[in-house]
Amino acid sequence: MENPRDKWNRRWRERNDDELVADSWLIEVSDLLPVGRALDLACGRGRNALELARRGFSVTALDHSDVALAQLAAVTAAEGLLIECQRCDLERQPPLLRHDYDLALCFFYLHRPLLPWMLESVRAGGLVVLRTFSSAGRFQPGELDSQFVLQPGELLTIFSGWEILRHEEGLEPSRKGGSLAGIVARKPLHF
């Protein structure tokens, strides 16, 4: 059985020539985002981290794949952007980070035990943008294991007590089957 890092390294090696385009939903919600320090979890090749850095964010990008991070670092250096790349296994040992990010971002990666850590990484008044696979909506389910798929209403439960700036689920089909869910939430000043 292939270990997870080797699997992702192979995937990103195969996609080395693919264009790095930010997720369309990140672009849609970008007017809600404060410029400052951003954290991009499971960043892959960094398409969203690059978009944020180009908009003036100082970004910390985390991923398990050293191949993906090397590709991101090359683009970062070529463009003179502020992106710090860190390799870590988010499922086994998230890094010790300062908890003062203005924005934490996570797209198409769901490891529920990591969510409290992610929410703590954001300063009071900071935002979290999360988008991933969901079972909400009328779209036929895909082949993804249920541990990687949000249940209807799950994001609202996770962000209970936060100010919800945007939330949608089940409106758009996922190319992997099922639908997508996303949230932009602001951490309260006194949480």
N, C-alpha and C. Protein backbone atom coordinates (compact mmCIF):
# COMPACT_ATOMS: atom_id res chain seq x y z
N MET A 1 0.84 -1.19 0.00
CA MET A 1 0.00 0.00 0.00
C MET A 1 0.89 1.25 0.00
N GLU A 2 0.59 2.17 -0.88
CA GLU A 2 1.35 3.41 -1.02
C GLU A 2 1.09 4.33 0.17
N ASN A 3 2.16 4.92 0.73
CA ASN A 3 1.92 5.83 1.85
C ASN A 3 1.37 7.15 1.32
N PRO A 4 0.65 7.89 2.16
CA PRO A 4 -0.04 9.11 1.71
C PRO A 4 0.89 10.15 1.08
N ARG A 5 2.06 10.36 1.65
CA ARG A 5 2.95 11.38 1.08
C ARG A 5 3.40 10.98 -0.32
N ASP A 6 3.74 9.70 -0.53
CA ASP A 6 4.13 9.24 -1.86
C ASP A 6 3.00 9.41 -2.86
N LYS A 7 1.77 9.11 -2.41
CA LYS A 7 0.60 9.26 -3.28
C LYS A 7 0.45 10.71 -3.74
N TRP A 8 0.54 11.64 -2.78
CA TRP A 8 0.37 13.06 -3.14
C TRP A 8 1.56 13.57 -3.93
N ASN A 9 2.76 13.13 -3.61
CA ASN A 9 3.91 13.54 -4.41
C ASN A 9 3.74 13.11 -5.86
N ARG A 10 3.27 11.88 -6.07
CA ARG A 10 3.06 11.39 -7.43
C ARG A 10 1.98 12.23 -8.13
N ARG A 11 0.90 12.50 -7.41
CA ARG A 11 -0.18 13.30 -8.01
C ARG A 11 0.32 14.68 -8.44
N TRP A 12 1.05 15.35 -7.58
CA TRP A 12 1.50 16.71 -7.91
C TRP A 12 2.60 16.70 -8.96
N ARG A 13 3.39 15.67 -8.99
CA ARG A 13 4.40 15.53 -10.05
C ARG A 13 3.70 15.42 -11.42
N GLU A 14 2.63 14.62 -11.48
CA GLU A 14 1.87 14.44 -12.71
C GLU A 14 1.16 15.72 -13.14
N ARG A 15 0.83 16.58 -12.19
CA ARG A 15 0.12 17.82 -12.50
C ARG A 15 1.03 19.05 -12.56
N ASN A 16 2.30 18.83 -12.61
CA ASN A 16 3.28 19.92 -12.58
C ASN A 16 3.01 20.99 -13.63
N ASP A 17 2.51 20.60 -14.80
CA ASP A 17 2.31 21.56 -15.88
C ASP A 17 0.90 22.17 -15.89
N ASP A 18 0.03 21.72 -14.98
CA ASP A 18 -1.32 22.29 -14.91
C ASP A 18 -1.25 23.74 -14.45
N GLU A 19 -2.09 24.56 -15.00
CA GLU A 19 -2.15 25.97 -14.61
C GLU A 19 -2.64 26.10 -13.17
N LEU A 20 -2.05 27.01 -12.44
CA LEU A 20 -2.42 27.24 -11.03
C LEU A 20 -3.46 28.35 -10.97
N VAL A 21 -4.72 27.96 -10.96
CA VAL A 21 -5.84 28.90 -10.94
C VAL A 21 -6.57 28.75 -9.62
N ALA A 22 -6.78 29.87 -8.94
CA ALA A 22 -7.48 29.85 -7.65
C ALA A 22 -8.89 29.30 -7.82
N ASP A 23 -9.39 28.68 -6.76
CA ASP A 23 -10.74 28.16 -6.78
C ASP A 23 -11.72 29.31 -7.02
N SER A 24 -12.71 29.06 -7.87
CA SER A 24 -13.67 30.11 -8.24
C SER A 24 -14.45 30.63 -7.02
N TRP A 25 -14.68 29.77 -6.03
CA TRP A 25 -15.42 30.21 -4.85
C TRP A 25 -14.58 31.16 -4.01
N LEU A 26 -13.26 30.95 -3.97
CA LEU A 26 -12.38 31.89 -3.26
C LEU A 26 -12.46 33.27 -3.93
N ILE A 27 -12.47 33.29 -5.25
CA ILE A 27 -12.58 34.56 -5.96
C ILE A 27 -13.93 35.22 -5.64
N GLU A 28 -14.99 34.42 -5.61
CA GLU A 28 -16.33 34.96 -5.31
C GLU A 28 -16.40 35.62 -3.94
N VAL A 29 -15.73 35.05 -2.95
CA VAL A 29 -15.83 35.58 -1.58
C VAL A 29 -14.68 36.52 -1.23
N SER A 30 -13.82 36.81 -2.17
CA SER A 30 -12.60 37.58 -1.86
C SER A 30 -12.88 38.97 -1.32
N ASP A 31 -14.02 39.57 -1.67
CA ASP A 31 -14.32 40.90 -1.15
C ASP A 31 -14.62 40.88 0.35
N LEU A 32 -14.84 39.71 0.93
CA LEU A 32 -15.08 39.57 2.37
C LEU A 32 -13.79 39.42 3.18
N LEU A 33 -12.67 39.19 2.49
CA LEU A 33 -11.44 38.81 3.17
C LEU A 33 -10.58 40.00 3.54
N PRO A 34 -10.12 40.05 4.81
CA PRO A 34 -9.21 41.11 5.22
C PRO A 34 -7.78 40.76 4.81
N VAL A 35 -7.05 41.72 4.29
CA VAL A 35 -5.65 41.46 3.95
C VAL A 35 -4.85 41.41 5.23
N GLY A 36 -3.92 40.47 5.32
CA GLY A 36 -3.09 40.30 6.51
C GLY A 36 -2.37 38.97 6.44
N ARG A 37 -2.27 38.30 7.58
CA ARG A 37 -1.60 36.99 7.65
C ARG A 37 -2.62 35.89 7.34
N ALA A 38 -2.26 35.00 6.41
CA ALA A 38 -3.17 33.93 6.02
C ALA A 38 -2.50 32.57 6.18
N LEU A 39 -3.30 31.58 6.48
CA LEU A 39 -2.87 30.21 6.62
C LEU A 39 -3.66 29.38 5.61
N ASP A 40 -2.95 28.65 4.74
CA ASP A 40 -3.60 27.78 3.76
C ASP A 40 -3.26 26.34 4.10
N LEU A 41 -4.26 25.61 4.61
CA LEU A 41 -4.06 24.21 5.03
C LEU A 41 -4.27 23.27 3.86
N ALA A 42 -3.40 22.27 3.75
CA ALA A 42 -3.46 21.30 2.66
C ALA A 42 -3.48 22.04 1.33
N CYS A 43 -2.49 22.89 1.15
CA CYS A 43 -2.46 23.84 0.03
C CYS A 43 -2.18 23.19 -1.32
N GLY A 44 -1.66 21.96 -1.33
CA GLY A 44 -1.29 21.36 -2.61
C GLY A 44 -0.23 22.21 -3.29
N ARG A 45 -0.39 22.46 -4.57
CA ARG A 45 0.57 23.26 -5.33
C ARG A 45 0.41 24.75 -5.07
N GLY A 46 -0.58 25.13 -4.26
CA GLY A 46 -0.69 26.51 -3.80
C GLY A 46 -1.50 27.45 -4.65
N ARG A 47 -2.43 26.94 -5.42
CA ARG A 47 -3.21 27.83 -6.28
C ARG A 47 -3.93 28.92 -5.48
N ASN A 48 -4.48 28.58 -4.32
CA ASN A 48 -5.17 29.58 -3.50
C ASN A 48 -4.19 30.43 -2.71
N ALA A 49 -3.10 29.85 -2.24
CA ALA A 49 -2.07 30.62 -1.54
C ALA A 49 -1.48 31.69 -2.46
N LEU A 50 -1.26 31.33 -3.71
CA LEU A 50 -0.73 32.29 -4.68
C LEU A 50 -1.71 33.44 -4.90
N GLU A 51 -2.99 33.12 -5.02
CA GLU A 51 -4.00 34.17 -5.20
C GLU A 51 -3.98 35.13 -4.01
N LEU A 52 -3.92 34.60 -2.81
CA LEU A 52 -3.89 35.46 -1.63
C LEU A 52 -2.63 36.32 -1.60
N ALA A 53 -1.48 35.72 -1.87
CA ALA A 53 -0.23 36.47 -1.86
C ALA A 53 -0.24 37.58 -2.91
N ARG A 54 -0.80 37.30 -4.06
CA ARG A 54 -0.90 38.32 -5.11
C ARG A 54 -1.82 39.47 -4.69
N ARG A 55 -2.72 39.20 -3.76
CA ARG A 55 -3.63 40.22 -3.24
C ARG A 55 -3.05 40.93 -2.01
N GLY A 56 -1.80 40.59 -1.64
CA GLY A 56 -1.13 41.30 -0.56
C GLY A 56 -1.05 40.57 0.76
N PHE A 57 -1.56 39.35 0.83
CA PHE A 57 -1.46 38.58 2.06
C PHE A 57 -0.04 38.06 2.26
N SER A 58 0.36 37.89 3.50
CA SER A 58 1.54 37.13 3.89
C SER A 58 1.01 35.74 4.23
N VAL A 59 1.42 34.72 3.47
CA VAL A 59 0.78 33.41 3.54
C VAL A 59 1.73 32.35 4.11
N THR A 60 1.21 31.53 5.00
CA THR A 60 1.86 30.30 5.42
C THR A 60 1.09 29.17 4.77
N ALA A 61 1.77 28.38 3.95
CA ALA A 61 1.13 27.31 3.19
C ALA A 61 1.63 25.96 3.71
N LEU A 62 0.72 25.10 4.13
CA LEU A 62 1.05 23.80 4.71
C LEU A 62 0.56 22.67 3.82
N ASP A 63 1.41 21.67 3.64
CA ASP A 63 1.00 20.48 2.90
C ASP A 63 1.93 19.33 3.26
N HIS A 64 1.47 18.12 3.02
CA HIS A 64 2.24 16.91 3.29
C HIS A 64 3.22 16.59 2.15
N SER A 65 2.94 17.13 0.98
CA SER A 65 3.73 16.80 -0.22
C SER A 65 4.89 17.77 -0.41
N ASP A 66 6.10 17.24 -0.33
CA ASP A 66 7.26 18.10 -0.58
C ASP A 66 7.35 18.47 -2.06
N VAL A 67 6.83 17.64 -2.96
CA VAL A 67 6.82 17.95 -4.39
C VAL A 67 5.93 19.17 -4.65
N ALA A 68 4.73 19.17 -4.09
CA ALA A 68 3.81 20.30 -4.26
C ALA A 68 4.41 21.58 -3.68
N LEU A 69 5.00 21.48 -2.51
CA LEU A 69 5.59 22.67 -1.88
C LEU A 69 6.78 23.20 -2.66
N ALA A 70 7.56 22.31 -3.26
CA ALA A 70 8.70 22.75 -4.10
C ALA A 70 8.18 23.51 -5.32
N GLN A 71 7.09 23.03 -5.91
CA GLN A 71 6.50 23.73 -7.05
C GLN A 71 5.99 25.10 -6.63
N LEU A 72 5.33 25.16 -5.48
CA LEU A 72 4.84 26.44 -4.96
C LEU A 72 6.00 27.38 -4.65
N ALA A 73 7.04 26.87 -4.03
CA ALA A 73 8.19 27.70 -3.69
C ALA A 73 8.84 28.29 -4.94
N ALA A 74 8.88 27.54 -6.02
CA ALA A 74 9.47 28.03 -7.27
C ALA A 74 8.65 29.20 -7.83
N VAL A 75 7.33 29.10 -7.82
CA VAL A 75 6.49 30.19 -8.31
C VAL A 75 6.61 31.39 -7.37
N THR A 76 6.62 31.13 -6.08
CA THR A 76 6.76 32.19 -5.08
C THR A 76 8.03 32.99 -5.31
N ALA A 77 9.15 32.29 -5.50
CA ALA A 77 10.43 32.96 -5.74
C ALA A 77 10.42 33.75 -7.05
N ALA A 78 9.86 33.14 -8.09
CA ALA A 78 9.84 33.80 -9.40
C ALA A 78 9.01 35.09 -9.38
N GLU A 79 7.94 35.09 -8.58
CA GLU A 79 7.07 36.26 -8.53
C GLU A 79 7.38 37.19 -7.36
N GLY A 80 8.30 36.80 -6.48
CA GLY A 80 8.65 37.63 -5.34
C GLY A 80 7.52 37.78 -4.33
N LEU A 81 6.78 36.71 -4.10
CA LEU A 81 5.62 36.74 -3.20
C LEU A 81 6.01 36.35 -1.78
N LEU A 82 5.13 36.69 -0.83
CA LEU A 82 5.35 36.35 0.57
C LEU A 82 4.58 35.08 0.93
N ILE A 83 5.18 33.93 0.67
CA ILE A 83 4.59 32.65 1.03
C ILE A 83 5.65 31.80 1.70
N GLU A 84 5.36 31.40 2.93
CA GLU A 84 6.24 30.48 3.66
C GLU A 84 5.66 29.08 3.50
N CYS A 85 6.44 28.19 2.91
CA CYS A 85 5.99 26.81 2.68
C CYS A 85 6.49 25.92 3.81
N GLN A 86 5.58 25.14 4.39
CA GLN A 86 5.94 24.22 5.46
C GLN A 86 5.36 22.84 5.16
N ARG A 87 6.22 21.83 5.18
CA ARG A 87 5.75 20.46 4.99
C ARG A 87 5.39 19.89 6.35
N CYS A 88 4.20 19.34 6.45
CA CYS A 88 3.79 18.69 7.68
C CYS A 88 2.64 17.72 7.39
N ASP A 89 2.52 16.75 8.22
CA ASP A 89 1.43 15.78 8.14
C ASP A 89 0.32 16.30 9.05
N LEU A 90 -0.67 16.93 8.47
CA LEU A 90 -1.74 17.56 9.25
C LEU A 90 -2.57 16.55 10.03
N GLU A 91 -2.55 15.31 9.61
CA GLU A 91 -3.34 14.30 10.30
C GLU A 91 -2.62 13.68 11.48
N ARG A 92 -1.32 13.77 11.50
CA ARG A 92 -0.56 13.17 12.60
C ARG A 92 -0.03 14.19 13.58
N GLN A 93 0.46 15.32 13.05
CA GLN A 93 1.02 16.32 13.96
C GLN A 93 1.01 17.70 13.31
N PRO A 94 -0.08 18.44 13.50
CA PRO A 94 -0.09 19.82 13.00
C PRO A 94 1.03 20.61 13.68
N PRO A 95 1.63 21.52 12.96
CA PRO A 95 2.73 22.29 13.55
C PRO A 95 2.23 23.23 14.64
N LEU A 96 3.13 23.61 15.51
CA LEU A 96 2.82 24.63 16.51
C LEU A 96 2.89 25.97 15.80
N LEU A 97 1.78 26.67 15.78
CA LEU A 97 1.71 27.95 15.09
C LEU A 97 1.21 29.01 16.03
N ARG A 98 1.57 30.25 15.71
CA ARG A 98 0.97 31.36 16.43
C ARG A 98 -0.51 31.39 16.08
N HIS A 99 -1.31 31.80 16.99
CA HIS A 99 -2.75 31.82 16.77
C HIS A 99 -3.24 33.23 16.48
N ASP A 100 -2.64 33.84 15.47
CA ASP A 100 -3.00 35.22 15.16
C ASP A 100 -3.21 35.44 13.66
N TYR A 101 -3.64 34.41 12.96
CA TYR A 101 -3.90 34.58 11.54
C TYR A 101 -5.17 35.40 11.33
N ASP A 102 -5.14 36.26 10.33
CA ASP A 102 -6.33 37.02 9.95
C ASP A 102 -7.29 36.16 9.15
N LEU A 103 -6.73 35.11 8.53
CA LEU A 103 -7.51 34.25 7.65
C LEU A 103 -6.92 32.85 7.65
N ALA A 104 -7.78 31.85 7.80
CA ALA A 104 -7.38 30.45 7.61
C ALA A 104 -8.24 29.90 6.48
N LEU A 105 -7.59 29.19 5.59
CA LEU A 105 -8.22 28.72 4.37
C LEU A 105 -8.02 27.22 4.25
N CYS A 106 -9.06 26.50 3.85
CA CYS A 106 -8.93 25.07 3.61
C CYS A 106 -9.93 24.67 2.53
N PHE A 107 -9.41 24.17 1.41
CA PHE A 107 -10.23 23.77 0.28
C PHE A 107 -10.01 22.29 -0.03
N PHE A 108 -11.09 21.55 -0.09
CA PHE A 108 -11.10 20.15 -0.52
C PHE A 108 -10.19 19.25 0.30
N TYR A 109 -10.21 19.49 1.59
CA TYR A 109 -9.50 18.64 2.54
C TYR A 109 -10.33 18.64 3.81
N LEU A 110 -10.70 17.46 4.27
CA LEU A 110 -11.50 17.37 5.49
C LEU A 110 -10.91 16.31 6.40
N HIS A 111 -10.37 16.76 7.50
CA HIS A 111 -9.91 15.88 8.57
C HIS A 111 -10.50 16.49 9.84
N ARG A 112 -11.63 15.96 10.26
CA ARG A 112 -12.40 16.58 11.35
C ARG A 112 -11.60 16.84 12.62
N PRO A 113 -10.68 15.95 13.03
CA PRO A 113 -9.90 16.26 14.25
C PRO A 113 -9.03 17.52 14.12
N LEU A 114 -8.76 17.96 12.88
CA LEU A 114 -7.95 19.16 12.66
C LEU A 114 -8.76 20.45 12.79
N LEU A 115 -10.07 20.35 12.68
CA LEU A 115 -10.90 21.56 12.66
C LEU A 115 -10.76 22.43 13.90
N PRO A 116 -10.77 21.89 15.12
CA PRO A 116 -10.57 22.78 16.28
C PRO A 116 -9.23 23.52 16.23
N TRP A 117 -8.19 22.84 15.78
CA TRP A 117 -6.87 23.47 15.64
C TRP A 117 -6.95 24.61 14.64
N MET A 118 -7.63 24.37 13.52
CA MET A 118 -7.78 25.40 12.49
C MET A 118 -8.53 26.61 13.04
N LEU A 119 -9.61 26.37 13.76
CA LEU A 119 -10.39 27.47 14.30
C LEU A 119 -9.60 28.26 15.34
N GLU A 120 -8.76 27.59 16.10
CA GLU A 120 -7.93 28.28 17.09
C GLU A 120 -6.82 29.09 16.43
N SER A 121 -6.42 28.74 15.22
CA SER A 121 -5.31 29.44 14.56
C SER A 121 -5.67 30.87 14.17
N VAL A 122 -6.95 31.17 14.17
CA VAL A 122 -7.43 32.49 13.73
C VAL A 122 -7.61 33.40 14.94
N ARG A 123 -7.16 34.63 14.79
CA ARG A 123 -7.32 35.63 15.85
C ARG A 123 -8.79 36.00 16.00
N ALA A 124 -9.15 36.57 17.13
CA ALA A 124 -10.51 37.08 17.31
C ALA A 124 -10.79 38.12 16.23
N GLY A 125 -11.90 37.98 15.55
CA GLY A 125 -12.25 38.86 14.44
C GLY A 125 -11.73 38.38 13.10
N GLY A 126 -10.91 37.33 13.10
CA GLY A 126 -10.39 36.77 11.86
C GLY A 126 -11.40 35.85 11.18
N LEU A 127 -11.08 35.44 9.96
CA LEU A 127 -12.00 34.65 9.16
C LEU A 127 -11.46 33.26 8.85
N VAL A 128 -12.38 32.34 8.66
CA VAL A 128 -12.09 31.02 8.12
C VAL A 128 -12.89 30.87 6.84
N VAL A 129 -12.24 30.39 5.79
CA VAL A 129 -12.91 30.04 4.54
C VAL A 129 -12.66 28.56 4.33
N LEU A 130 -13.74 27.80 4.27
CA LEU A 130 -13.62 26.36 4.11
C LEU A 130 -14.60 25.93 3.02
N ARG A 131 -14.11 25.09 2.11
CA ARG A 131 -14.97 24.54 1.07
C ARG A 131 -14.53 23.12 0.76
N THR A 132 -15.50 22.22 0.74
CA THR A 132 -15.17 20.82 0.45
C THR A 132 -16.42 20.07 0.02
N PHE A 133 -16.29 18.77 -0.04
CA PHE A 133 -17.34 17.89 -0.52
C PHE A 133 -18.45 17.75 0.52
N SER A 134 -19.69 17.59 0.02
CA SER A 134 -20.84 17.51 0.90
C SER A 134 -21.84 16.49 0.35
N SER A 135 -22.64 15.94 1.26
CA SER A 135 -23.72 15.05 0.85
C SER A 135 -25.04 15.80 0.72
N ALA A 136 -25.04 17.11 0.96
CA ALA A 136 -26.26 17.90 0.81
C ALA A 136 -26.59 18.04 -0.67
N GLY A 137 -27.83 18.32 -0.96
CA GLY A 137 -28.22 18.59 -2.34
C GLY A 137 -28.74 17.36 -3.05
N ARG A 138 -29.08 17.55 -4.30
CA ARG A 138 -29.75 16.52 -5.09
C ARG A 138 -28.81 15.75 -6.01
N PHE A 139 -27.51 15.97 -5.89
CA PHE A 139 -26.56 15.35 -6.80
C PHE A 139 -26.19 13.95 -6.35
N GLN A 140 -26.00 13.07 -7.30
CA GLN A 140 -25.65 11.68 -7.00
C GLN A 140 -24.34 11.63 -6.22
N PRO A 141 -24.28 10.82 -5.15
CA PRO A 141 -23.05 10.73 -4.37
C PRO A 141 -21.91 10.16 -5.21
N GLY A 142 -20.73 10.52 -4.84
CA GLY A 142 -19.55 10.03 -5.53
C GLY A 142 -18.94 8.86 -4.79
N GLU A 143 -17.72 8.57 -5.13
CA GLU A 143 -17.00 7.44 -4.56
C GLU A 143 -16.19 7.80 -3.32
N LEU A 144 -16.22 9.06 -2.89
CA LEU A 144 -15.43 9.47 -1.74
C LEU A 144 -15.92 8.78 -0.47
N ASP A 145 -14.98 8.41 0.38
CA ASP A 145 -15.31 7.83 1.68
C ASP A 145 -16.05 8.89 2.50
N SER A 146 -17.05 8.49 3.26
CA SER A 146 -17.87 9.43 4.02
C SER A 146 -17.07 10.27 5.01
N GLN A 147 -15.90 9.79 5.43
CA GLN A 147 -15.10 10.59 6.36
C GLN A 147 -14.57 11.88 5.72
N PHE A 148 -14.60 11.94 4.38
CA PHE A 148 -14.12 13.12 3.66
C PHE A 148 -15.25 13.98 3.12
N VAL A 149 -16.48 13.71 3.57
CA VAL A 149 -17.66 14.39 3.03
C VAL A 149 -18.46 14.99 4.19
N LEU A 150 -18.79 16.28 4.09
CA LEU A 150 -19.61 16.94 5.10
C LEU A 150 -21.06 16.48 5.01
N GLN A 151 -21.70 16.42 6.15
CA GLN A 151 -23.12 16.12 6.21
C GLN A 151 -23.90 17.44 6.10
N PRO A 152 -25.16 17.39 5.67
CA PRO A 152 -25.95 18.62 5.59
C PRO A 152 -25.97 19.35 6.94
N GLY A 153 -25.70 20.65 6.90
CA GLY A 153 -25.71 21.47 8.11
C GLY A 153 -24.48 21.35 8.99
N GLU A 154 -23.53 20.49 8.64
CA GLU A 154 -22.37 20.26 9.50
C GLU A 154 -21.52 21.52 9.67
N LEU A 155 -21.34 22.28 8.60
CA LEU A 155 -20.53 23.50 8.72
C LEU A 155 -21.14 24.49 9.71
N LEU A 156 -22.45 24.62 9.70
CA LEU A 156 -23.10 25.55 10.63
C LEU A 156 -22.93 25.09 12.07
N THR A 157 -22.88 23.79 12.29
CA THR A 157 -22.63 23.26 13.63
C THR A 157 -21.19 23.54 14.05
N ILE A 158 -20.25 23.29 13.16
CA ILE A 158 -18.83 23.51 13.45
C ILE A 158 -18.58 24.97 13.81
N PHE A 159 -19.25 25.88 13.10
CA PHE A 159 -19.02 27.31 13.30
C PHE A 159 -20.11 27.97 14.16
N SER A 160 -20.74 27.17 15.00
CA SER A 160 -21.73 27.70 15.92
C SER A 160 -21.07 28.77 16.80
N GLY A 161 -21.71 29.91 16.93
CA GLY A 161 -21.16 31.00 17.73
C GLY A 161 -20.30 31.96 16.93
N TRP A 162 -19.99 31.61 15.68
CA TRP A 162 -19.24 32.50 14.79
C TRP A 162 -20.23 33.29 13.93
N GLU A 163 -19.80 34.42 13.42
CA GLU A 163 -20.63 35.19 12.50
C GLU A 163 -20.49 34.57 11.11
N ILE A 164 -21.57 34.12 10.53
CA ILE A 164 -21.55 33.50 9.22
C ILE A 164 -21.73 34.59 8.16
N LEU A 165 -20.70 34.82 7.37
CA LEU A 165 -20.75 35.83 6.33
C LEU A 165 -21.29 35.27 5.02
N ARG A 166 -21.01 33.98 4.80
CA ARG A 166 -21.53 33.30 3.62
C ARG A 166 -21.52 31.80 3.88
N HIS A 167 -22.60 31.16 3.49
CA HIS A 167 -22.69 29.71 3.65
C HIS A 167 -23.55 29.17 2.51
N GLU A 168 -23.08 28.11 1.91
CA GLU A 168 -23.90 27.43 0.92
C GLU A 168 -23.53 25.96 0.90
N GLU A 169 -24.50 25.15 0.62
CA GLU A 169 -24.25 23.71 0.52
C GLU A 169 -25.28 23.09 -0.40
N GLY A 170 -24.83 22.13 -1.18
CA GLY A 170 -25.72 21.39 -2.04
C GLY A 170 -26.18 22.12 -3.28
N LEU A 171 -25.64 23.31 -3.54
CA LEU A 171 -26.08 24.10 -4.69
C LEU A 171 -25.29 23.76 -5.96
N GLU A 172 -24.09 23.27 -5.77
CA GLU A 172 -23.20 23.04 -6.91
C GLU A 172 -22.68 21.60 -6.87
N PRO A 173 -22.70 20.93 -8.01
CA PRO A 173 -22.20 19.55 -8.01
C PRO A 173 -20.68 19.52 -7.92
N SER A 174 -20.17 18.46 -7.30
CA SER A 174 -18.73 18.21 -7.27
C SER A 174 -18.37 17.35 -8.46
N ARG A 175 -17.22 17.56 -9.02
CA ARG A 175 -16.80 16.72 -10.15
C ARG A 175 -16.49 15.30 -9.68
N LYS A 176 -16.38 15.10 -8.37
CA LYS A 176 -16.15 13.76 -7.82
C LYS A 176 -17.45 13.10 -7.35
N GLY A 177 -18.58 13.73 -7.63
CA GLY A 177 -19.87 13.21 -7.19
C GLY A 177 -20.34 13.92 -5.94
N GLY A 178 -21.66 13.93 -5.73
CA GLY A 178 -22.20 14.67 -4.61
C GLY A 178 -22.16 16.17 -4.89
N SER A 179 -22.08 16.95 -3.84
CA SER A 179 -22.10 18.39 -4.01
C SER A 179 -20.97 19.03 -3.22
N LEU A 180 -20.99 20.35 -3.21
CA LEU A 180 -19.99 21.11 -2.47
C LEU A 180 -20.67 21.93 -1.38
N ALA A 181 -19.93 22.20 -0.32
CA ALA A 181 -20.38 23.08 0.75
C ALA A 181 -19.25 24.04 1.06
N GLY A 182 -19.61 25.26 1.40
CA GLY A 182 -18.60 26.24 1.75
C GLY A 182 -19.10 27.21 2.79
N ILE A 183 -18.14 27.81 3.50
CA ILE A 183 -18.49 28.78 4.54
C ILE A 183 -17.39 29.83 4.64
N VAL A 184 -17.82 31.05 4.91
CA VAL A 184 -16.94 32.13 5.32
C VAL A 184 -17.47 32.57 6.68
N ALA A 185 -16.66 32.42 7.72
CA ALA A 185 -17.13 32.70 9.08
C ALA A 185 -16.11 33.57 9.81
N ARG A 186 -16.63 34.51 10.60
CA ARG A 186 -15.77 35.39 11.40
C ARG A 186 -15.79 34.95 12.84
N LYS A 187 -14.59 34.80 13.41
CA LYS A 187 -14.46 34.43 14.81
C LYS A 187 -14.89 35.61 15.68
N PRO A 188 -15.73 35.34 16.67
CA PRO A 188 -16.17 36.46 17.53
C PRO A 188 -15.01 37.05 18.32
N LEU A 189 -15.16 38.29 18.72
CA LEU A 189 -14.10 38.97 19.48
C LEU A 189 -13.90 38.32 20.83
N HIS A 190 -14.95 37.77 21.40
CA HIS A 190 -14.84 37.09 22.70
C HIS A 190 -15.37 35.68 22.53
N PHE A 191 -14.49 34.74 22.27
CA PHE A 191 -14.91 33.37 21.99
C PHE A 191 -14.45 32.46 23.11
